[in-house]
Amino acid sequence: MVLNYKAILKLSGIIIVLIACLMIPSLFVAFLYGETEVMKSFMSTIVPMLFVGGFITTYVKAQFDHLKVRDGFIIVALCWTLSSVLGAFPFVISGYIPDFIDAFFETVSGFTTTGSSILTDIEVLPKGLLFWRSFTHWIGGMGIIVFAIALLPTLGISGQRVAKAETTGPTFGKLTSKTAESAKILYLIYVGMTLLQVLLLILGGMNVFDALINTFGSVGTGGFSIYNNSIAHYDNLYFEIIISIFMFLAGTNFSLYYYALRGHWRDFFYDSEIRCYFIIISSAIALITLNLWTSSIYASLGESLRFSVFQSASIMTTTGFASADFDLWPTFSKMILFFLMFIGGCSSSTAGGIKVIRILMLFKLLKRGISVRLHPRAVVSIKLNHKPVSTDTISSVVCFAFLYFGIFFGSTLLLSLEGFDLITTASAAASCLGNIGPGFNLVGPVLNYSLFSDLSTFMLAILMLVGRLELFTIILLFTRHFWNPDK
């Protein structure tokens, strides 16, 4: 099967134009704050991108009637990589992140909603670059590609093949009969949630710029902050409550919001994944609160609960904001946070990680295995929301879990060549693969990833892309079977 190279090239051109247009708000912020050099760096990036992308889009003639799944994988991988490469140029041209590998890492971290940073002092960055850095979270939160396919039908392009390669979760479902309509509905919910959080933060006394930045990080589950000590800078309970709520909401399956808005509240509250999501995060909060309180880390039970709620929500939703230096917490609490790194949020959410639905299915598979051992003749099916799950879906979930932990152990082994301690190395790998942000020890919440060599920094950036694109999208590109036209 021959790839549709012209369609791939044309769609890449569309994405280049789209990213250039999405840089314009950051250019406007730089203009508002009188940051001339930053404005020049954005103009030096936007103009060539519009020219090249516009040329490709205008003059490359392509047929989109026969896009295959392989074409979708190529388009998604290429566009995320292109976006990260092009998005790094304002940092390099402005001179604030002169090393391109570091700038690429920072931009990948933004688009993949990871929140890991190589910056040792975030607060020295101009407002325009801070805005772009965090805006990449918002863009990447629902996926550059999902955003694009909402617009593609106006060009006569079907986006279903692309969406299947980019969607986060074991299965792909549409809210309406048309993929583009589903994407538009999800983005309307996404925008509405964004505007609501910005309003609530402003009403609490936060300035507009900070409210936008923190909202991009919360709704996009990214975690980039404009302060070196993250949300702890504000030391404000109201802000922590609002951000915690929206991190939790952003980690929920966005399709359920659509059903709830249509009046199907039962689908929301009785969904197996959302109930499991709530049980896991509630259990983590309770255990960490008790551990912090009994260990006398904080003066009161209320204070222990305050920081436990925020950090549990932040880590499980793979946001990565910090309201406290949790690296100073007892080992028991840190271990719970470490486990939450792997679980992540719900399917079809902006969060990373393995996803709750896969964890739930793996536990159901384990339960069935035990039941069959006790009752060899019993026929036990795995069900979600009272519906049987197909063997193909179960197989894909098991394959995903094995591949996820295989990549984690392999990347941890490669990072160990740097010579850092096991906790730093393992948590850095887990954090980047799960799109979380901070880890423990030398990559803890008050530190950064600048300690790694260029080679390891690049590997961690690729790890973030692999995790954001659900492993297979990137991994398949390195297999001979994928490129064999006869298969």
Protein backbone atom coordinates (compact mmCIF):
# COMPACT_ATOMS: atom_id res chain seq x y z
CA MET A 1 0.00 0.00 0.00
CA VAL A 2 1.51 3.30 -1.15
CA LEU A 3 1.31 6.27 1.17
CA ASN A 4 -0.54 9.36 -0.01
CA TYR A 5 2.52 11.61 0.05
CA LYS A 6 0.84 14.61 -1.57
CA ALA A 7 -1.99 14.56 0.98
CA ILE A 8 0.54 14.25 3.81
CA LEU A 9 2.53 17.20 2.45
CA LYS A 10 -0.55 19.37 1.96
CA LEU A 11 -1.87 18.66 5.46
CA SER A 12 1.57 19.47 6.86
CA GLY A 13 1.39 22.80 5.07
CA ILE A 14 -1.98 23.47 6.68
CA ILE A 15 -0.54 22.72 10.13
CA ILE A 16 2.43 25.04 9.48
CA VAL A 17 0.03 27.89 8.65
CA LEU A 18 -2.09 27.01 11.69
CA ILE A 19 0.88 27.13 14.09
CA ALA A 20 2.01 30.45 12.57
CA CYS A 21 -1.45 31.90 13.19
CA LEU A 22 -1.48 30.54 16.74
CA MET A 23 1.74 32.48 17.45
CA ILE A 24 -0.01 35.79 16.73
CA PRO A 25 -1.58 36.14 20.23
CA SER A 26 1.93 35.82 21.73
CA LEU A 27 3.18 38.47 19.31
CA PHE A 28 0.34 40.72 20.49
CA VAL A 29 1.28 40.11 24.16
CA ALA A 30 4.89 41.07 23.37
CA PHE A 31 3.57 44.24 21.69
CA LEU A 32 1.42 45.12 24.73
CA TYR A 33 4.44 44.85 27.04
CA GLY A 34 6.78 46.69 24.66
CA GLU A 35 9.08 43.70 24.12
CA THR A 36 10.63 44.71 20.80
CA GLU A 37 13.21 41.90 20.56
CA VAL A 38 10.59 39.28 21.34
CA MET A 39 8.31 40.76 18.68
CA LYS A 40 11.15 40.45 16.16
CA SER A 41 11.71 36.80 17.11
CA PHE A 42 8.04 36.00 16.55
CA MET A 43 7.89 37.92 13.27
CA SER A 44 11.04 36.11 12.09
CA THR A 45 9.21 32.84 12.72
CA ILE A 46 5.64 33.66 11.67
CA VAL A 47 6.36 35.27 8.28
CA PRO A 48 8.49 32.42 6.81
CA MET A 49 6.01 29.84 8.18
CA LEU A 50 3.07 31.61 6.53
CA PHE A 51 4.99 31.83 3.27
CA VAL A 52 6.14 28.19 3.21
CA GLY A 53 2.92 26.76 4.60
CA GLY A 54 0.81 28.93 2.31
CA PHE A 55 2.86 27.91 -0.72
CA ILE A 56 2.48 24.18 0.09
CA THR A 57 -1.24 24.54 0.80
CA THR A 58 -1.89 26.51 -2.40
CA TYR A 59 0.24 24.69 -4.95
CA VAL A 60 0.30 21.06 -3.79
CA LYS A 61 -2.67 19.27 -5.34
CA ALA A 62 -3.80 16.22 -3.43
CA GLN A 63 -6.70 13.79 -3.26
CA PHE A 64 -8.10 13.13 0.22
CA ASP A 65 -10.73 10.55 -0.65
CA HIS A 66 -8.48 7.60 0.07
CA LEU A 67 -6.56 8.51 3.22
CA LYS A 68 -5.55 5.32 5.02
CA VAL A 69 -4.77 4.67 8.68
CA ARG A 70 -1.05 4.69 7.88
CA ASP A 71 -1.41 8.12 6.32
CA GLY A 72 -3.07 9.27 9.55
CA PHE A 73 -0.16 8.02 11.65
CA ILE A 74 2.36 9.78 9.41
CA ILE A 75 0.38 13.02 9.43
CA VAL A 76 0.00 13.06 13.21
CA ALA A 77 3.65 12.23 13.97
CA LEU A 78 4.93 14.70 11.38
CA CYS A 79 2.67 17.54 12.48
CA TRP A 80 3.45 17.19 16.19
CA THR A 81 7.16 17.07 15.41
CA LEU A 82 6.91 19.98 12.96
CA SER A 83 4.96 22.04 15.48
CA SER A 84 7.56 21.41 18.17
CA VAL A 85 10.48 22.24 15.89
CA LEU A 86 8.89 25.43 14.53
CA GLY A 87 7.56 26.43 17.94
CA ALA A 88 11.11 26.41 19.31
CA PHE A 89 12.38 29.16 17.00
CA PRO A 90 11.07 32.18 18.99
CA PHE A 91 13.05 30.93 22.03
CA VAL A 92 16.23 30.44 19.99
CA ILE A 93 15.99 33.64 17.92
CA SER A 94 15.28 35.77 21.00
CA GLY A 95 18.36 34.28 22.70
CA TYR A 96 16.54 33.25 25.88
CA ILE A 97 17.05 29.56 25.08
CA PRO A 98 19.97 29.68 22.63
CA ASP A 99 20.54 25.91 22.45
CA PHE A 100 18.11 24.42 19.93
CA ILE A 101 17.89 21.03 21.69
CA ASP A 102 16.85 22.79 24.90
CA ALA A 103 14.34 24.95 23.02
CA PHE A 104 12.97 21.86 21.27
CA PHE A 105 12.61 20.11 24.64
CA GLU A 106 10.78 23.13 26.09
CA THR A 107 8.40 23.33 23.13
CA VAL A 108 7.73 19.59 23.00
CA SER A 109 7.04 19.78 26.72
CA GLY A 110 4.51 22.52 26.00
CA PHE A 111 2.67 20.91 23.09
CA THR A 112 2.57 17.49 24.77
CA THR A 113 1.24 19.16 27.96
CA THR A 114 4.11 17.73 29.98
CA GLY A 115 5.40 20.82 31.76
CA SER A 116 9.00 19.66 32.21
CA SER A 117 11.47 22.51 31.81
CA ILE A 118 15.18 23.08 31.28
CA LEU A 119 14.91 26.68 32.51
CA THR A 120 16.71 27.39 35.77
CA ASP A 121 15.01 30.77 36.19
CA ILE A 122 11.59 31.02 34.56
CA GLU A 123 10.90 34.52 35.82
CA VAL A 124 13.54 36.15 33.57
CA LEU A 125 11.58 35.30 30.42
CA PRO A 126 9.66 38.18 28.77
CA LYS A 127 5.86 38.08 28.87
CA GLY A 128 5.54 37.26 25.16
CA LEU A 129 7.66 34.12 25.47
CA LEU A 130 5.98 33.13 28.75
CA PHE A 131 2.63 33.42 27.02
CA TRP A 132 3.73 31.31 24.02
CA ARG A 133 5.32 28.73 26.33
CA SER A 134 2.03 28.23 28.19
CA PHE A 135 -0.23 28.71 25.18
CA THR A 136 1.36 25.59 23.66
CA HIS A 137 -0.27 23.70 26.55
CA TRP A 138 -3.67 24.96 25.54
CA ILE A 139 -3.06 24.14 21.87
CA GLY A 140 -1.77 20.67 22.65
CA GLY A 141 -4.38 19.96 25.31
CA MET A 142 -7.06 18.79 22.93
CA GLY A 143 -4.53 18.01 20.22
CA ILE A 144 -3.27 20.08 17.34
CA ILE A 145 -4.66 17.49 14.97
CA VAL A 146 -8.10 17.29 16.57
CA PHE A 147 -8.23 21.07 16.30
CA ALA A 148 -7.20 20.86 12.66
CA ILE A 149 -9.79 18.26 11.66
CA ALA A 150 -12.51 20.58 12.93
CA LEU A 151 -11.44 22.92 10.11
CA LEU A 152 -10.44 20.42 7.42
CA PRO A 153 -13.94 19.72 6.02
CA THR A 154 -14.03 23.31 4.75
CA LEU A 155 -11.16 22.21 2.49
CA GLY A 156 -12.93 19.01 1.51
CA ILE A 157 -10.73 16.81 3.71
CA SER A 158 -12.04 14.01 5.91
CA GLY A 159 -10.36 13.88 9.30
CA GLN A 160 -11.41 10.49 10.70
CA ARG A 161 -8.18 8.70 9.78
CA VAL A 162 -6.16 11.45 11.40
CA ALA A 163 -8.31 11.48 14.53
CA LYS A 164 -7.95 7.72 15.02
CA ALA A 165 -4.17 8.13 15.09
CA GLU A 166 -4.23 11.02 17.56
CA THR A 167 -7.06 10.21 20.00
CA THR A 168 -6.10 9.40 23.58
CA GLY A 169 -7.60 6.13 24.72
CA PRO A 170 -8.04 2.48 23.72
CA THR A 171 -10.96 3.17 21.37
CA PHE A 172 -12.11 6.02 19.16
CA GLY A 173 -15.74 7.13 19.32
CA LYS A 174 -17.59 9.99 17.70
CA LEU A 175 -20.18 12.14 19.42
CA THR A 176 -21.92 12.81 16.12
CA SER A 177 -21.97 11.13 12.73
CA LYS A 178 -19.19 13.43 11.51
CA THR A 179 -15.69 13.48 13.00
CA ALA A 180 -15.26 17.21 12.40
CA GLU A 181 -18.53 17.96 14.19
CA SER A 182 -17.33 15.91 17.17
CA ALA A 183 -14.06 17.86 17.22
CA LYS A 184 -15.94 21.17 17.16
CA ILE A 185 -18.19 20.11 20.05
CA LEU A 186 -15.19 19.08 22.13
CA TYR A 187 -13.44 22.36 21.43
CA LEU A 188 -16.50 24.39 22.37
CA ILE A 189 -16.53 22.58 25.71
CA TYR A 190 -12.77 23.15 26.00
CA VAL A 191 -13.06 26.88 25.26
CA GLY A 192 -16.02 27.24 27.63
CA MET A 193 -14.09 25.57 30.44
CA THR A 194 -11.12 27.85 29.73
CA LEU A 195 -13.16 31.05 29.86
CA LEU A 196 -14.89 29.97 33.06
CA GLN A 197 -11.62 29.29 34.88
CA VAL A 198 -10.09 32.58 33.72
CA LEU A 199 -13.15 34.42 35.04
CA LEU A 200 -13.09 32.63 38.41
CA LEU A 201 -9.38 33.33 38.92
CA ILE A 202 -9.82 37.02 38.04
CA LEU A 203 -12.75 37.27 40.46
CA GLY A 204 -10.43 35.88 43.13
CA GLY A 205 -7.96 38.71 42.59
CA MET A 206 -5.51 37.20 40.09
CA ASN A 207 -4.40 39.50 37.28
CA VAL A 208 -5.51 38.71 33.72
CA PHE A 209 -2.11 37.57 32.45
CA ASP A 210 -1.54 35.16 35.35
CA ALA A 211 -5.13 33.91 35.08
CA LEU A 212 -4.62 33.05 31.41
CA ILE A 213 -1.31 31.31 32.03
CA ASN A 214 -2.60 29.22 34.94
CA THR A 215 -5.74 28.34 33.01
CA PHE A 216 -3.75 27.16 29.99
CA GLY A 217 -1.79 24.92 32.34
CA SER A 218 -4.87 23.63 34.20
CA VAL A 219 -7.30 23.00 31.34
CA GLY A 220 -4.52 21.72 29.11
CA THR A 221 -3.14 19.67 32.06
CA GLY A 222 0.29 21.08 31.22
CA GLY A 223 1.67 22.71 34.33
CA PHE A 224 4.00 25.40 32.97
CA SER A 225 4.10 28.24 35.48
CA ILE A 226 5.53 31.75 35.24
CA TYR A 227 7.09 31.48 38.70
CA ASN A 228 9.99 29.32 39.84
CA ASN A 229 7.97 27.87 42.74
CA SER A 230 4.86 27.31 40.59
CA ILE A 231 1.45 27.79 42.27
CA ALA A 232 3.13 27.94 45.69
CA HIS A 233 4.11 31.49 44.69
CA TYR A 234 0.57 32.71 45.38
CA ASP A 235 0.06 30.88 48.70
CA ASN A 236 -3.66 31.37 48.11
CA LEU A 237 -6.20 28.72 49.08
CA TYR A 238 -8.88 30.06 46.71
CA PHE A 239 -6.57 29.84 43.69
CA GLU A 240 -5.54 26.31 44.69
CA ILE A 241 -9.19 25.21 44.97
CA ILE A 242 -10.14 26.64 41.56
CA ILE A 243 -7.07 25.18 39.85
CA SER A 244 -7.60 21.79 41.55
CA ILE A 245 -11.21 21.64 40.36
CA PHE A 246 -10.32 22.43 36.77
CA MET A 247 -7.38 20.03 36.74
CA PHE A 248 -9.79 17.31 37.87
CA LEU A 249 -12.36 18.33 35.25
CA ALA A 250 -9.72 18.42 32.49
CA GLY A 251 -8.65 14.91 33.43
CA THR A 252 -12.21 13.66 32.82
CA ASN A 253 -13.46 12.18 29.54
CA PHE A 254 -14.67 15.22 27.57
CA SER A 255 -17.28 13.14 25.75
CA LEU A 256 -19.14 12.78 29.04
CA TYR A 257 -19.54 16.57 29.24
CA TYR A 258 -21.28 16.51 25.89
CA TYR A 259 -23.70 13.84 27.08
CA ALA A 260 -24.28 15.73 30.34
CA LEU A 261 -25.05 18.94 28.43
CA ARG A 262 -27.55 16.96 26.36
CA GLY A 263 -29.30 16.00 29.60
CA HIS A 264 -27.84 12.50 29.91
CA TRP A 265 -26.48 12.97 33.42
CA ARG A 266 -26.85 9.26 34.15
CA ASP A 267 -24.18 8.53 31.52
CA PHE A 268 -21.81 10.85 33.37
CA PHE A 269 -22.29 9.64 36.94
CA TYR A 270 -22.66 5.94 36.11
CA ASP A 271 -19.71 5.73 33.74
CA SER A 272 -17.29 3.04 34.95
CA GLU A 273 -14.17 5.04 34.14
CA ILE A 274 -15.27 8.26 35.87
CA ARG A 275 -16.22 6.33 39.01
CA CYS A 276 -12.87 4.56 39.04
CA TYR A 277 -11.13 7.91 38.43
CA PHE A 278 -12.91 9.44 41.43
CA ILE A 279 -12.19 6.43 43.67
CA ILE A 280 -8.46 6.43 42.84
CA ILE A 281 -7.95 10.15 43.37
CA SER A 282 -10.08 10.19 46.55
CA SER A 283 -8.13 7.25 48.00
CA ALA A 284 -4.82 8.94 47.17
CA ILE A 285 -5.96 12.17 48.84
CA ALA A 286 -7.09 10.35 52.00
CA LEU A 287 -3.89 8.31 52.32
CA ILE A 288 -1.54 11.23 51.67
CA THR A 289 -3.49 13.50 54.04
CA LEU A 290 -3.24 11.00 56.88
CA ASN A 291 0.44 10.38 56.17
CA LEU A 292 1.29 14.10 56.12
CA TRP A 293 -0.72 14.75 59.28
CA THR A 294 0.65 11.83 61.29
CA SER A 295 4.19 12.69 60.15
CA SER A 296 3.74 16.27 61.39
CA ILE A 297 4.77 17.70 58.02
CA TYR A 298 2.03 20.30 58.37
CA ALA A 299 0.57 21.83 61.51
CA SER A 300 -3.04 20.74 61.04
CA LEU A 301 -5.23 18.15 59.34
CA GLY A 302 -6.78 20.91 57.22
CA GLU A 303 -3.41 22.05 55.92
CA SER A 304 -2.42 18.46 55.15
CA LEU A 305 -5.67 18.02 53.23
CA ARG A 306 -5.12 21.27 51.33
CA PHE A 307 -1.77 20.22 49.89
CA SER A 308 -2.78 16.59 49.44
CA VAL A 309 -5.81 17.51 47.30
CA PHE A 310 -3.84 19.84 45.06
CA GLN A 311 -0.86 17.55 44.46
CA SER A 312 -2.96 14.42 43.98
CA ALA A 313 -5.07 16.19 41.37
CA SER A 314 -1.99 17.74 39.77
CA ILE A 315 -0.05 14.47 39.43
CA MET A 316 -2.92 12.15 38.50
CA THR A 317 -4.17 14.49 35.80
CA THR A 318 -0.52 14.80 34.68
CA THR A 319 -0.67 18.60 35.07
CA GLY A 320 2.43 18.99 37.21
CA PHE A 321 1.65 22.20 39.06
CA ALA A 322 3.10 22.37 42.56
CA SER A 323 1.65 24.12 45.60
CA ALA A 324 4.37 22.63 47.83
CA ASP A 325 7.72 20.90 47.51
CA PHE A 326 6.34 17.35 47.65
CA ASP A 327 9.87 15.99 47.30
CA LEU A 328 10.18 16.75 51.05
CA TRP A 329 7.16 14.62 51.90
CA PRO A 330 7.40 11.17 53.54
CA THR A 331 8.32 8.24 51.29
CA PHE A 332 4.80 6.77 51.55
CA SER A 333 3.22 9.93 50.12
CA LYS A 334 5.82 10.16 47.36
CA MET A 335 5.22 6.54 46.40
CA ILE A 336 1.50 7.21 46.00
CA LEU A 337 2.27 10.19 43.76
CA PHE A 338 4.69 7.99 41.80
CA PHE A 339 1.93 5.41 41.19
CA LEU A 340 -0.46 8.18 40.13
CA MET A 341 2.10 9.20 37.48
CA PHE A 342 1.49 5.92 35.67
CA ILE A 343 -2.29 5.92 35.99
CA GLY A 344 -3.01 9.36 34.53
CA GLY A 345 -6.45 10.73 33.67
CA CYS A 346 -9.42 9.41 31.72
CA SER A 347 -9.55 8.52 28.05
CA SER A 348 -10.47 11.37 25.67
CA SER A 349 -9.19 13.90 28.20
CA THR A 350 -6.25 16.30 28.02
CA ALA A 351 -4.32 14.20 30.57
CA GLY A 352 -1.54 11.73 29.85
CA GLY A 353 -0.50 8.47 31.49
CA ILE A 354 -1.78 4.95 30.84
CA LYS A 355 -5.37 6.19 31.36
CA VAL A 356 -7.87 5.06 33.98
CA ILE A 357 -9.94 3.01 31.55
CA ARG A 358 -6.94 0.82 30.72
CA ILE A 359 -6.09 0.36 34.40
CA LEU A 360 -9.72 -0.60 35.05
CA MET A 361 -9.71 -3.11 32.21
CA LEU A 362 -6.44 -4.65 33.39
CA PHE A 363 -7.91 -5.15 36.88
CA LYS A 364 -11.04 -6.69 35.38
CA LEU A 365 -8.81 -8.99 33.33
CA LEU A 366 -6.94 -9.99 36.49
CA LYS A 367 -10.24 -10.59 38.28
CA ARG A 368 -11.43 -12.79 35.42
CA GLY A 369 -8.17 -14.74 35.53
CA ILE A 370 -8.65 -15.49 39.22
CA SER A 371 -12.31 -16.43 38.68
CA VAL A 372 -11.44 -18.84 35.85
CA ARG A 373 -8.86 -20.54 38.06
CA LEU A 374 -11.54 -21.13 40.70
CA HIS A 375 -14.25 -22.05 38.18
CA PRO A 376 -12.54 -23.54 35.09
CA ARG A 377 -15.81 -24.06 33.19
CA ALA A 378 -17.18 -20.58 33.81
CA VAL A 379 -17.48 -18.11 30.95
CA VAL A 380 -16.60 -14.71 32.38
CA SER A 381 -16.73 -11.70 30.09
CA ILE A 382 -15.17 -8.32 30.76
CA LYS A 383 -17.72 -5.51 30.78
CA LEU A 384 -17.58 -1.74 30.91
CA ASN A 385 -20.78 0.18 31.54
CA HIS A 386 -22.63 -3.14 31.42
CA LYS A 387 -21.43 -3.79 27.86
CA PRO A 388 -18.99 -6.59 26.94
CA VAL A 389 -15.56 -5.48 25.77
CA SER A 390 -14.28 -7.03 22.55
CA THR A 391 -11.25 -9.33 22.64
CA ASP A 392 -9.48 -6.98 20.21
CA THR A 393 -9.86 -4.08 22.64
CA ILE A 394 -8.64 -6.19 25.56
CA SER A 395 -5.67 -7.35 23.50
CA SER A 396 -4.78 -3.76 22.55
CA VAL A 397 -4.94 -2.68 26.21
CA VAL A 398 -2.61 -5.49 27.31
CA CYS A 399 -0.21 -4.70 24.45
CA PHE A 400 -0.28 -1.01 25.40
CA ALA A 401 0.51 -1.76 29.06
CA PHE A 402 3.42 -4.05 28.18
CA LEU A 403 4.80 -1.53 25.69
CA TYR A 404 4.35 1.36 28.15
CA PHE A 405 6.34 -0.32 30.91
CA GLY A 406 8.85 -1.66 28.38
CA ILE A 407 9.55 1.89 27.17
CA PHE A 408 9.70 3.13 30.76
CA PHE A 409 12.29 0.54 31.82
CA GLY A 410 14.28 0.95 28.60
CA SER A 411 14.42 4.74 28.85
CA THR A 412 15.30 4.54 32.55
CA LEU A 413 18.20 2.24 31.66
CA LEU A 414 19.46 4.64 28.98
CA LEU A 415 19.13 7.65 31.29
CA SER A 416 21.11 5.80 33.96
CA LEU A 417 24.19 6.29 31.75
CA GLU A 418 24.12 9.92 32.96
CA GLY A 419 25.15 8.65 36.39
CA PHE A 420 22.36 10.17 38.45
CA ASP A 421 20.58 8.34 41.25
CA LEU A 422 17.81 5.81 40.54
CA ILE A 423 14.95 7.96 41.84
CA THR A 424 15.96 10.93 39.66
CA THR A 425 16.43 8.73 36.61
CA ALA A 426 13.26 6.65 36.98
CA SER A 427 11.02 9.59 37.87
CA ALA A 428 12.36 11.64 34.94
CA ALA A 429 11.52 8.80 32.54
CA ALA A 430 8.09 8.22 34.11
CA SER A 431 7.33 11.93 34.16
CA CYS A 432 8.20 12.55 30.50
CA LEU A 433 6.53 9.37 29.21
CA GLY A 434 3.38 10.16 31.24
CA ASN A 435 3.48 13.88 30.29
CA ILE A 436 3.53 14.93 33.95
CA GLY A 437 6.38 17.43 34.38
CA PRO A 438 8.15 17.27 37.74
CA GLY A 439 9.71 14.13 39.15
CA PHE A 440 11.65 13.51 42.34
CA ASN A 441 15.10 14.35 43.71
CA LEU A 442 17.15 16.25 41.08
CA VAL A 443 14.08 16.77 38.84
CA GLY A 444 11.73 17.61 41.72
CA PRO A 445 9.07 20.36 41.73
CA VAL A 446 11.52 23.16 42.60
CA LEU A 447 14.24 21.93 40.21
CA ASN A 448 14.43 21.28 36.45
CA TYR A 449 15.81 19.08 33.67
CA SER A 450 18.84 21.23 32.78
CA LEU A 451 21.19 18.65 34.36
CA PHE A 452 20.84 16.21 31.45
CA SER A 453 23.14 16.14 28.41
CA ASP A 454 21.86 17.15 24.97
CA LEU A 455 21.48 13.50 23.96
CA SER A 456 19.39 12.65 27.03
CA THR A 457 17.41 15.90 26.67
CA PHE A 458 16.53 14.95 23.10
CA MET A 459 15.60 11.42 24.18
CA LEU A 460 13.31 12.78 26.89
CA ALA A 461 11.67 15.07 24.31
CA ILE A 462 10.99 12.07 22.06
CA LEU A 463 9.68 10.22 25.11
CA MET A 464 7.17 13.03 25.67
CA LEU A 465 5.98 12.76 22.07
CA VAL A 466 5.71 8.98 22.35
CA GLY A 467 3.61 9.28 25.50
CA ARG A 468 1.36 12.04 24.14
CA LEU A 469 0.65 10.13 20.93
CA GLU A 470 -0.31 6.92 22.74
CA LEU A 471 2.96 5.06 22.00
CA PHE A 472 1.97 3.27 18.80
CA THR A 473 1.82 6.38 16.59
CA ILE A 474 5.56 6.92 16.98
CA ILE A 475 6.69 3.32 17.58
CA LEU A 476 5.02 2.04 14.39
CA LEU A 477 7.08 4.44 12.30
CA PHE A 478 10.21 2.52 13.27
CA THR A 479 8.90 -0.87 12.13
CA ARG A 480 9.60 -2.43 8.72
CA HIS A 481 6.03 -3.68 8.51
CA PHE A 482 4.68 -0.11 8.56
CA TRP A 483 6.72 0.93 5.52
CA ASN A 484 6.14 -2.27 3.52
CA PRO A 485 3.76 -1.25 0.69
CA ASP A 486 2.62 -4.84 0.22
CA LYS A 487 1.18 -5.17 3.75
